[in-house]
């Protein structure tokens, strides 16, 4: 318990007449929970199929489309900002393979408005993912200039990265395919979205977001199809991850079948996506959020909520606590607005320029809203429980995960344990124990990595 939450007990003098107690040292002290349920460490068994040799997997995928690359071609690889498993290894292998086919290779950042919508910022984002000219063996050409190459539906402008347009004979997107965090459709996050939004830079991203997420299922395939019809995009490298967020498959998808193939890849990725194995949680604790975790910093497919409320696809969660930002998110805290309680250290690490740029471009200013802000884990837990409806503090359903990308290991309070044991894919690691805090009222126990 921190000093801020130590309230003063009323005193009764010898006369027996109660005197007025002093005001609590902190107004939120009235919400302090003296007793909390015990929790246990849980391990969830997830899909573990993994690519051990990334270069061989990339080479195997490219063999099926090698005839689409010609000696002397200037080939641009489009690489995004997501925290994809071993993405630098994938890009480096693709650079080497295309060189062996006679191509002259360079990379462009294909990430819309990320990196603060600056050329230097987007280079920093790639560097944070381990992608630099030195690590991948080729130039990285970054600028925010995008050229309008046409319109769809007679009014929606289509933009394309100027380096890729002017300096490449062929453009190859490399991206993970998965369910998106902001909308649901046959085509969500993947190659087509990178072509439509990522390569459109900030202007292209803003033009499509102006249509609203409800329109993405229509406009992303339409913009991608328009672009493929005018730019030589021979194929893309689609990456799919397993339940541990590790690469499980790499597929080269020819542009001629991309619009038909990507929905199947999206469904495949959805089957392997790790989720929380419970129906309802009162308080979910996230150790960290960040762009290397999810485009929304916390995956709505895992937490079951979006800015507008429950998605209906995940567990019903009353309150979410965010403890920190990842280092790789570089202060971009988009999505922090989905939390109900946040630690001050997370708020202080937020870069307003990077966060606001993304939020304004995406037309979701609510993503930057700051929730109830407290100093410690103990305070966060007290406040979050107090914000729950119909909950006995000793029976509160608590879960704590490192982030929405890593849910193999998590803590769960006793009211959740019977449900978890009944699922058959979860095991308790040790007995339930009290939730322990250090002298600064922060959690003493860390989750395994």
Protein backbone atom coordinates (compact mmCIF):
# COMPACT_ATOMS: atom_id res chain seq x y z
CA UNK A 1 0.00 0.00 0.00
CA UNK A 2 1.43 3.36 -0.93
CA UNK A 3 1.42 6.39 1.26
CA UNK A 4 -1.10 8.00 -1.06
CA UNK A 5 -3.63 5.33 -0.21
CA UNK A 6 -3.06 5.22 3.57
CA UNK A 7 -6.17 6.64 5.18
CA UNK A 8 -6.32 7.72 8.80
CA UNK A 9 -8.52 5.69 11.13
CA UNK A 10 -10.95 7.69 13.31
CA UNK A 11 -9.84 8.10 16.93
CA UNK A 12 -11.98 7.78 20.06
CA UNK A 13 -10.70 9.57 23.19
CA UNK A 14 -11.14 8.23 26.74
CA UNK A 15 -14.34 10.22 27.11
CA UNK A 16 -15.90 7.93 24.54
CA UNK A 17 -16.91 10.81 22.30
CA UNK A 18 -15.69 10.34 18.73
CA UNK A 19 -13.70 13.20 17.27
CA UNK A 20 -13.81 14.22 13.65
CA UNK A 21 -11.24 12.08 11.76
CA UNK A 22 -8.66 13.77 9.61
CA UNK A 23 -9.30 13.77 5.91
CA UNK A 24 -7.66 10.87 4.07
CA UNK A 25 -4.17 11.71 2.85
CA UNK A 26 -5.37 11.00 -0.68
CA UNK A 27 -8.98 11.29 -1.90
CA UNK A 28 -8.82 7.90 -3.67
CA UNK A 29 -7.93 6.21 -0.37
CA UNK A 30 -11.63 5.55 0.16
CA UNK A 31 -11.41 2.96 -2.66
CA UNK A 32 -8.57 0.99 -1.10
CA UNK A 33 -9.35 -2.73 -0.96
CA UNK A 34 -7.89 -4.25 2.18
CA UNK A 35 -8.38 -7.78 0.89
CA UNK A 36 -7.86 -9.14 -2.60
CA UNK A 37 -8.35 -12.63 -4.04
CA UNK A 38 -5.34 -14.86 -4.53
CA UNK A 39 -4.12 -15.57 -8.02
CA UNK A 40 -2.15 -18.27 -9.77
CA UNK A 41 0.23 -18.40 -12.70
CA UNK A 42 -1.43 -20.10 -15.68
CA UNK A 43 0.11 -21.46 -18.85
CA UNK A 44 -2.03 -21.73 -21.98
CA UNK A 45 -1.12 -24.23 -24.69
CA UNK A 46 -1.16 -22.50 -28.08
CA UNK A 47 -0.37 -23.36 -31.67
CA UNK A 48 3.42 -23.75 -31.76
CA UNK A 49 4.11 -24.53 -35.43
CA UNK A 50 7.12 -22.35 -36.21
CA UNK A 51 9.53 -21.59 -39.04
CA UNK A 52 13.00 -22.42 -37.80
CA UNK A 53 14.95 -21.34 -40.89
CA UNK A 54 13.60 -17.99 -42.11
CA UNK A 55 15.94 -17.60 -45.12
CA UNK A 56 14.99 -21.04 -46.42
CA UNK A 57 11.28 -20.31 -45.94
CA UNK A 58 11.63 -17.03 -47.86
CA UNK A 59 13.59 -18.73 -50.64
CA UNK A 60 11.03 -21.53 -50.87
CA UNK A 61 8.20 -19.00 -51.17
CA UNK A 62 10.02 -16.97 -53.82
CA UNK A 63 10.80 -19.99 -55.98
CA UNK A 64 7.16 -20.16 -57.04
CA UNK A 65 7.24 -16.56 -58.33
CA UNK A 66 10.88 -16.27 -59.44
CA UNK A 67 9.79 -15.93 -63.06
CA UNK A 68 8.15 -12.61 -62.19
CA UNK A 69 11.50 -10.98 -61.40
CA UNK A 70 13.78 -10.14 -64.34
CA UNK A 71 17.51 -9.39 -64.43
CA UNK A 72 18.22 -5.67 -64.20
CA UNK A 73 14.84 -4.80 -62.69
CA UNK A 74 14.77 -2.17 -59.96
CA UNK A 75 12.80 -3.85 -57.20
CA UNK A 76 11.27 -1.98 -54.24
CA UNK A 77 10.37 -3.91 -51.10
CA UNK A 78 7.61 -2.25 -49.06
CA UNK A 79 8.05 -2.84 -45.32
CA UNK A 80 5.72 -1.71 -42.55
CA UNK A 81 5.82 -0.71 -38.90
CA UNK A 82 4.30 -3.74 -37.20
CA UNK A 83 6.27 -5.83 -34.73
CA UNK A 84 6.35 -8.93 -36.93
CA UNK A 85 8.43 -11.86 -35.73
CA UNK A 86 11.94 -11.78 -37.26
CA UNK A 87 10.88 -9.23 -39.85
CA UNK A 88 14.47 -8.06 -40.36
CA UNK A 89 15.45 -11.66 -41.20
CA UNK A 90 12.60 -11.89 -43.71
CA UNK A 91 13.57 -8.64 -45.42
CA UNK A 92 17.27 -9.53 -45.52
CA UNK A 93 16.49 -12.94 -47.05
CA UNK A 94 14.21 -11.32 -49.64
CA UNK A 95 16.92 -8.81 -50.57
CA UNK A 96 19.47 -11.59 -51.11
CA UNK A 97 17.02 -13.78 -53.06
CA UNK A 98 15.99 -10.98 -55.42
CA UNK A 99 19.61 -10.04 -56.00
CA UNK A 100 20.31 -13.65 -56.97
CA UNK A 101 17.52 -13.31 -59.54
CA UNK A 102 19.26 -10.25 -60.98
CA UNK A 103 17.16 -7.55 -59.33
CA UNK A 104 18.48 -4.27 -57.92
CA UNK A 105 16.82 -3.89 -54.53
CA UNK A 106 15.87 -1.07 -52.19
CA UNK A 107 13.32 -0.71 -49.36
CA UNK A 108 10.70 1.94 -48.61
CA UNK A 109 8.74 2.37 -45.38
CA UNK A 110 5.10 1.50 -46.10
CA UNK A 111 3.38 2.61 -42.93
CA UNK A 112 0.99 5.46 -43.70
CA UNK A 113 1.41 8.15 -41.04
CA UNK A 114 3.45 6.19 -38.51
CA UNK A 115 6.73 7.58 -37.24
CA UNK A 116 5.13 10.97 -36.71
CA UNK A 117 4.49 11.14 -40.47
CA UNK A 118 8.09 12.20 -41.11
CA UNK A 119 10.72 10.56 -43.30
CA UNK A 120 13.21 10.41 -40.43
CA UNK A 121 10.55 9.10 -38.06
CA UNK A 122 9.71 6.23 -40.39
CA UNK A 123 13.39 5.32 -40.65
CA UNK A 124 13.49 5.28 -36.85
CA UNK A 125 10.51 2.94 -36.77
CA UNK A 126 12.23 0.51 -39.14
CA UNK A 127 15.43 0.74 -37.10
CA UNK A 128 13.48 -0.14 -33.97
CA UNK A 129 12.45 -3.34 -35.76
CA UNK A 130 16.06 -4.14 -36.61
CA UNK A 131 15.77 -2.93 -40.21
CA UNK A 132 18.64 -0.69 -41.27
CA UNK A 133 20.75 -0.58 -44.46
CA UNK A 134 23.46 -2.44 -42.57
CA UNK A 135 21.23 -5.25 -41.30
CA UNK A 136 19.35 -5.93 -44.54
CA UNK A 137 22.09 -5.13 -47.03
CA UNK A 138 20.38 -2.51 -49.22
CA UNK A 139 19.29 1.13 -49.31
CA UNK A 140 16.23 2.35 -47.46
CA UNK A 141 14.64 5.34 -49.19
CA UNK A 142 12.26 7.27 -47.00
CA UNK A 143 10.18 10.31 -47.87
CA UNK A 144 6.60 11.30 -47.15
CA UNK A 145 5.92 12.50 -50.68
CA UNK A 146 3.15 10.50 -52.32
CA UNK A 147 1.81 10.86 -55.86
CA UNK A 148 -1.87 10.73 -56.66
CA UNK A 149 -2.23 8.08 -59.34
CA UNK A 150 -5.99 8.27 -59.75
CA UNK A 151 -9.34 7.93 -58.00
CA UNK A 152 -11.82 5.22 -57.17
CA UNK A 153 -15.58 5.69 -57.14
CA UNK A 154 -14.92 8.97 -58.92
CA UNK A 155 -13.91 10.81 -55.75
CA UNK A 156 -11.54 8.88 -53.44
CA UNK A 157 -7.91 9.73 -54.30
CA UNK A 158 -5.33 6.95 -54.60
CA UNK A 159 -1.77 7.79 -53.55
CA UNK A 160 1.52 5.91 -53.95
CA UNK A 161 4.99 6.38 -52.50
CA UNK A 162 7.09 8.54 -54.86
CA UNK A 163 10.29 6.53 -54.44
CA UNK A 164 8.44 3.33 -55.29
CA UNK A 165 6.64 4.96 -58.21
CA UNK A 166 9.60 6.77 -59.80
CA UNK A 167 12.54 4.54 -58.98
CA UNK A 168 11.22 0.97 -59.15
CA UNK A 169 10.22 -1.33 -61.97
CA UNK A 170 8.51 -3.68 -59.52
CA UNK A 171 7.10 -3.19 -56.00
CA UNK A 172 6.76 -6.11 -53.57
CA UNK A 173 4.86 -5.62 -50.28
CA UNK A 174 5.93 -7.71 -47.28
CA UNK A 175 3.36 -7.87 -44.50
CA UNK A 176 1.70 -10.03 -41.90
CA UNK A 177 -1.86 -11.11 -42.60
CA UNK A 178 -4.18 -11.11 -39.58
CA UNK A 179 -7.54 -9.89 -38.30
CA UNK A 180 -7.54 -6.11 -37.99
CA UNK A 181 -8.16 -4.32 -34.72
CA UNK A 182 -10.46 -1.58 -36.05
CA UNK A 183 -12.82 -3.26 -38.50
CA UNK A 184 -14.10 -6.65 -39.65
CA UNK A 185 -14.26 -7.69 -43.30
CA UNK A 186 -13.07 -10.39 -45.68
CA UNK A 187 -9.88 -8.38 -46.23
CA UNK A 188 -8.37 -6.82 -43.15
CA UNK A 189 -4.68 -6.43 -42.26
CA UNK A 190 -2.28 -7.73 -44.89
CA UNK A 191 -0.84 -7.16 -48.34
CA UNK A 192 -3.83 -5.32 -49.78
CA UNK A 193 -4.00 -2.89 -46.86
CA UNK A 194 -0.27 -2.18 -47.21
CA UNK A 195 -0.77 -1.41 -50.91
CA UNK A 196 -3.79 0.79 -50.27
CA UNK A 197 -2.73 2.60 -47.09
CA UNK A 198 0.88 1.84 -46.19
CA UNK A 199 2.30 2.80 -49.58
CA UNK A 200 -0.08 5.76 -49.76
CA UNK A 201 1.90 7.44 -46.95
CA UNK A 202 0.11 9.96 -44.74
CA UNK A 203 -2.00 11.43 -47.59
CA UNK A 204 -3.23 8.04 -48.70
CA UNK A 205 -3.90 6.90 -45.16
CA UNK A 206 -5.89 10.03 -44.41
CA UNK A 207 -7.89 9.78 -47.63
CA UNK A 208 -9.06 6.27 -46.82
CA UNK A 209 -9.62 6.89 -43.13
CA UNK A 210 -11.82 9.82 -44.13
CA UNK A 211 -14.27 7.20 -45.41
CA UNK A 212 -14.47 5.64 -41.93
CA UNK A 213 -13.57 2.14 -40.79
CA UNK A 214 -17.02 0.89 -41.75
CA UNK A 215 -16.05 1.45 -45.39
CA UNK A 216 -12.66 -0.28 -45.21
CA UNK A 217 -14.00 -3.65 -46.28
CA UNK A 218 -14.98 -1.98 -49.58
CA UNK A 219 -12.35 0.70 -50.19
CA UNK A 220 -9.19 -1.22 -49.28
CA UNK A 221 -9.71 -3.95 -51.91
CA UNK A 222 -10.87 -1.31 -54.41
CA UNK A 223 -7.83 0.92 -53.92
CA UNK A 224 -5.48 -2.08 -53.94
CA UNK A 225 -7.04 -3.42 -57.14
CA UNK A 226 -6.79 0.00 -58.78
CA UNK A 227 -3.14 0.28 -57.78
CA UNK A 228 -2.26 -3.25 -58.92
CA UNK A 229 -3.83 -2.42 -62.28
CA UNK A 230 -1.47 0.55 -62.75
CA UNK A 231 1.72 -0.32 -60.83
CA UNK A 232 3.81 -3.45 -61.41
CA UNK A 233 3.25 -5.32 -58.17
CA UNK A 234 4.14 -8.85 -59.28
CA UNK A 235 3.48 -10.50 -55.91
CA UNK A 236 3.60 -9.94 -52.16
CA UNK A 237 5.10 -11.91 -49.30
CA UNK A 238 2.36 -12.85 -46.83
CA UNK A 239 3.45 -13.75 -43.31
CA UNK A 240 1.35 -15.70 -40.83
CA UNK A 241 2.19 -16.09 -37.14
CA UNK A 242 1.33 -18.83 -34.65
CA UNK A 243 -0.22 -18.55 -31.19
CA UNK A 244 3.12 -17.43 -29.75
CA UNK A 245 3.41 -14.58 -32.30
CA UNK A 246 6.14 -16.50 -34.13
CA UNK A 247 6.30 -16.98 -37.89
CA UNK A 248 4.60 -20.21 -38.90
CA UNK A 249 4.28 -19.73 -42.67
CA UNK A 250 5.48 -17.49 -45.51
CA UNK A 251 3.67 -17.44 -48.82
CA UNK A 252 4.35 -15.54 -52.04
CA UNK A 253 0.99 -14.37 -53.36
CA UNK A 254 0.89 -13.33 -57.04
CA UNK A 255 -0.96 -10.07 -57.67
CA UNK A 256 -3.26 -11.90 -60.09
CA UNK A 257 -4.82 -13.87 -57.20
CA UNK A 258 -4.17 -11.54 -54.26
CA UNK A 259 -7.73 -10.30 -53.87
CA UNK A 260 -9.09 -13.85 -53.85
CA UNK A 261 -6.32 -15.38 -51.72
CA UNK A 262 -6.05 -12.88 -48.89
CA UNK A 263 -9.45 -13.64 -47.27
CA UNK A 264 -8.38 -17.28 -46.84
CA UNK A 265 -5.08 -16.20 -45.33
CA UNK A 266 -6.92 -13.86 -42.97
CA UNK A 267 -9.12 -16.75 -41.80
CA UNK A 268 -6.07 -18.97 -41.34
CA UNK A 269 -4.36 -16.34 -39.21
CA UNK A 270 -7.52 -15.89 -37.16
CA UNK A 271 -7.49 -19.61 -36.25
CA UNK A 272 -4.02 -19.29 -34.75
CA UNK A 273 -4.47 -15.95 -33.00
CA UNK A 274 -3.92 -16.34 -29.26
CA UNK A 275 -6.84 -15.19 -27.14
CA UNK A 276 -7.75 -15.05 -23.48
CA UNK A 277 -9.40 -18.40 -22.66
CA UNK A 278 -12.22 -17.07 -20.46
CA UNK A 279 -15.69 -15.69 -21.08
CA UNK A 280 -15.62 -12.72 -18.73
CA UNK A 281 -13.05 -10.73 -16.74
CA UNK A 282 -13.71 -7.96 -14.25
CA UNK A 283 -10.25 -6.38 -14.42
CA UNK A 284 -7.60 -7.09 -17.06
CA UNK A 285 -4.09 -5.82 -16.37
CA UNK A 286 -1.81 -5.17 -19.35
CA UNK A 287 1.85 -4.78 -18.48
CA UNK A 288 2.46 -2.86 -21.70
CA UNK A 289 0.98 -1.66 -24.97
CA UNK A 290 2.75 -0.58 -28.15
CA UNK A 291 2.88 -0.53 -31.94
CA UNK A 292 5.14 -3.58 -31.86
CA UNK A 293 2.29 -5.41 -30.11
CA UNK A 294 -0.64 -4.31 -32.27
CA UNK A 295 -1.70 -1.53 -34.60
CA UNK A 296 -4.11 -0.49 -31.86
CA UNK A 297 -1.34 -1.04 -29.24
CA UNK A 298 -3.70 -3.53 -27.57
CA UNK A 299 -5.40 -6.00 -29.90
CA UNK A 300 -9.17 -5.56 -29.86
CA UNK A 301 -9.48 -9.19 -30.97
CA UNK A 302 -7.92 -10.19 -27.65
CA UNK A 303 -9.48 -7.70 -25.23
CA UNK A 304 -12.91 -7.80 -26.88
CA UNK A 305 -13.43 -4.05 -26.94
CA UNK A 306 -12.95 -1.07 -29.18
CA UNK A 307 -13.38 2.66 -28.58
CA UNK A 308 -17.08 2.30 -29.29
CA UNK A 309 -17.56 -0.55 -26.82
CA UNK A 310 -17.53 -4.37 -26.77
CA UNK A 311 -16.75 -6.08 -30.07
CA UNK A 312 -18.70 -9.21 -29.18
CA UNK A 313 -15.77 -11.35 -30.28
CA UNK A 314 -13.71 -11.56 -27.11
CA UNK A 315 -14.19 -11.89 -23.36
CA UNK A 316 -16.47 -9.39 -21.67
CA UNK A 317 -14.08 -7.14 -19.71
CA UNK A 318 -15.32 -4.51 -17.31
CA UNK A 319 -12.08 -2.58 -16.77
CA UNK A 320 -8.60 -2.50 -18.32
CA UNK A 321 -5.42 -1.29 -16.62
CA UNK A 322 -2.36 -0.27 -18.68
CA UNK A 323 0.93 -0.26 -16.78
CA UNK A 324 3.44 0.93 -19.39
CA UNK A 325 4.38 1.48 -23.04
CA UNK A 326 6.89 -0.67 -24.91
CA UNK A 327 10.26 0.83 -25.78
CA UNK A 328 9.73 0.08 -29.48
CA UNK A 329 6.54 2.09 -29.67
CA UNK A 330 8.74 5.19 -29.27
CA UNK A 331 6.07 7.08 -27.37
CA UNK A 332 3.29 6.34 -29.86
CA UNK A 333 0.45 5.55 -27.47
CA UNK A 334 -2.46 5.25 -29.90
CA UNK A 335 -5.05 3.02 -28.26
CA UNK A 336 -4.32 4.11 -24.71
CA UNK A 337 -7.82 5.55 -24.82
CA UNK A 338 -9.21 2.01 -24.60
CA UNK A 339 -7.90 1.71 -21.04
CA UNK A 340 -9.86 2.67 -17.94
CA UNK A 341 -6.93 3.14 -15.56
CA UNK A 342 -3.31 3.89 -16.50
CA UNK A 343 -0.09 4.29 -14.57
CA UNK A 344 1.50 7.71 -14.70
CA UNK A 345 4.74 6.28 -16.07
CA UNK A 346 2.86 5.19 -19.21
CA UNK A 347 1.36 8.65 -19.66
CA UNK A 348 4.73 10.35 -19.18
CA UNK A 349 6.28 8.20 -21.93
CA UNK A 350 3.62 9.24 -24.44
CA UNK A 351 4.83 11.30 -27.41
CA UNK A 352 1.93 13.64 -28.24
CA UNK A 353 3.10 14.40 -31.79
CA UNK A 354 3.41 10.76 -32.86
CA UNK A 355 0.22 9.77 -31.07
CA UNK A 356 -1.87 12.68 -32.32
CA UNK A 357 -0.64 12.29 -35.89
CA UNK A 358 -1.91 8.72 -35.98
CA UNK A 359 -5.16 9.56 -34.24
CA UNK A 360 -6.00 12.50 -36.49
CA UNK A 361 -5.08 10.57 -39.65
CA UNK A 362 -7.25 7.64 -38.53
CA UNK A 363 -10.11 9.95 -37.45
CA UNK A 364 -10.03 8.40 -33.97
CA UNK A 365 -9.06 11.15 -31.49
CA UNK A 366 -10.46 8.96 -28.72
CA UNK A 367 -7.38 6.79 -29.15
CA UNK A 368 -5.29 9.41 -27.36
CA UNK A 369 -7.63 10.00 -24.43
CA UNK A 370 -6.01 9.56 -21.05
CA UNK A 371 -7.89 7.45 -18.52
CA UNK A 372 -7.83 7.69 -14.72
CA UNK A 373 -4.14 8.08 -13.92
CA UNK A 374 -2.54 6.70 -10.77
CA UNK A 375 0.97 6.19 -9.41
CA UNK A 376 1.21 2.48 -8.64
CA UNK A 377 -0.09 -0.99 -9.45
CA UNK A 378 -1.87 -1.18 -6.10
CA UNK A 379 -3.69 2.08 -6.70
CA UNK A 380 -4.60 1.00 -10.22
CA UNK A 381 -6.08 -2.24 -8.96
CA UNK A 382 -8.04 -0.51 -6.22
CA UNK A 383 -9.49 2.09 -8.58
CA UNK A 384 -10.30 -0.44 -11.32
CA UNK A 385 -12.13 -2.73 -8.89
CA UNK A 386 -14.03 0.25 -7.51
CA UNK A 387 -15.12 1.06 -11.08
CA UNK A 388 -16.62 -2.42 -11.60
CA UNK A 389 -20.32 -3.05 -11.17
CA UNK A 390 -21.66 -5.91 -9.05
CA UNK A 391 -18.27 -7.19 -7.91
CA UNK A 392 -17.24 -8.52 -4.50
CA UNK A 393 -13.56 -7.51 -4.15
CA UNK A 394 -12.68 -10.94 -2.77
CA UNK A 395 -14.31 -12.62 -5.76
CA UNK A 396 -13.13 -10.25 -8.47
CA UNK A 397 -12.10 -11.97 -11.71
CA UNK A 398 -8.61 -10.64 -12.35
CA UNK A 399 -6.21 -11.49 -15.16
CA UNK A 400 -2.79 -10.05 -15.87
CA UNK A 401 -0.94 -10.50 -19.17
CA UNK A 402 2.32 -9.04 -20.48
CA UNK A 403 0.55 -7.73 -23.61
CA UNK A 404 -2.06 -8.85 -26.11
CA UNK A 405 0.58 -10.50 -28.29
CA UNK A 406 1.84 -12.76 -25.49
CA UNK A 407 -0.89 -14.66 -23.66
CA UNK A 408 0.79 -18.02 -23.12
CA UNK A 409 1.57 -17.05 -19.51
CA UNK A 410 -0.80 -15.03 -17.35
CA UNK A 411 -1.99 -14.58 -13.80
CA UNK A 412 -5.62 -15.37 -13.03
CA UNK A 413 -7.50 -14.92 -9.76
CA UNK A 414 -9.17 -17.86 -8.05
CA UNK A 415 -12.69 -17.10 -9.35
CA UNK A 416 -11.35 -17.82 -12.88
CA UNK A 417 -9.37 -20.96 -12.15
CA UNK A 418 -12.16 -23.55 -12.38
CA UNK A 419 -13.20 -22.27 -15.79
CA UNK A 420 -9.59 -22.33 -16.97
CA UNK A 421 -8.98 -25.87 -15.77
CA UNK A 422 -12.15 -27.03 -17.51
CA UNK A 423 -10.97 -25.75 -20.89
CA UNK A 424 -8.33 -28.44 -21.19
CA UNK A 425 -5.64 -26.25 -22.75
CA UNK A 426 -4.55 -24.45 -19.60
CA UNK A 427 -2.45 -25.63 -16.67
CA UNK A 428 -1.91 -24.01 -13.29
CA UNK A 429 1.75 -23.48 -12.49
CA UNK A 430 1.90 -23.64 -8.72
CA UNK A 431 -0.75 -22.93 -6.14
CA UNK A 432 -2.80 -19.76 -5.80
CA UNK A 433 -0.92 -17.11 -3.84
CA UNK A 434 -1.57 -13.62 -2.54
CA UNK A 435 -0.98 -10.74 -4.93
CA UNK A 436 2.33 -9.33 -3.74
CA UNK A 437 3.49 -5.72 -3.89
CA UNK A 438 6.85 -4.12 -3.14
CA UNK A 439 7.50 -1.04 -1.02
CA UNK A 440 6.49 1.19 -3.94
CA UNK A 441 3.17 -0.67 -4.30
CA UNK A 442 4.24 -2.24 -7.59
CA UNK A 443 3.76 -5.93 -8.44
CA UNK A 444 6.61 -8.04 -7.07
CA UNK A 445 6.04 -10.97 -9.40
CA UNK A 446 6.90 -10.83 -13.09
CA UNK A 447 5.41 -12.94 -15.86
CA UNK A 448 7.69 -15.53 -17.53
CA UNK A 449 9.04 -14.64 -20.96
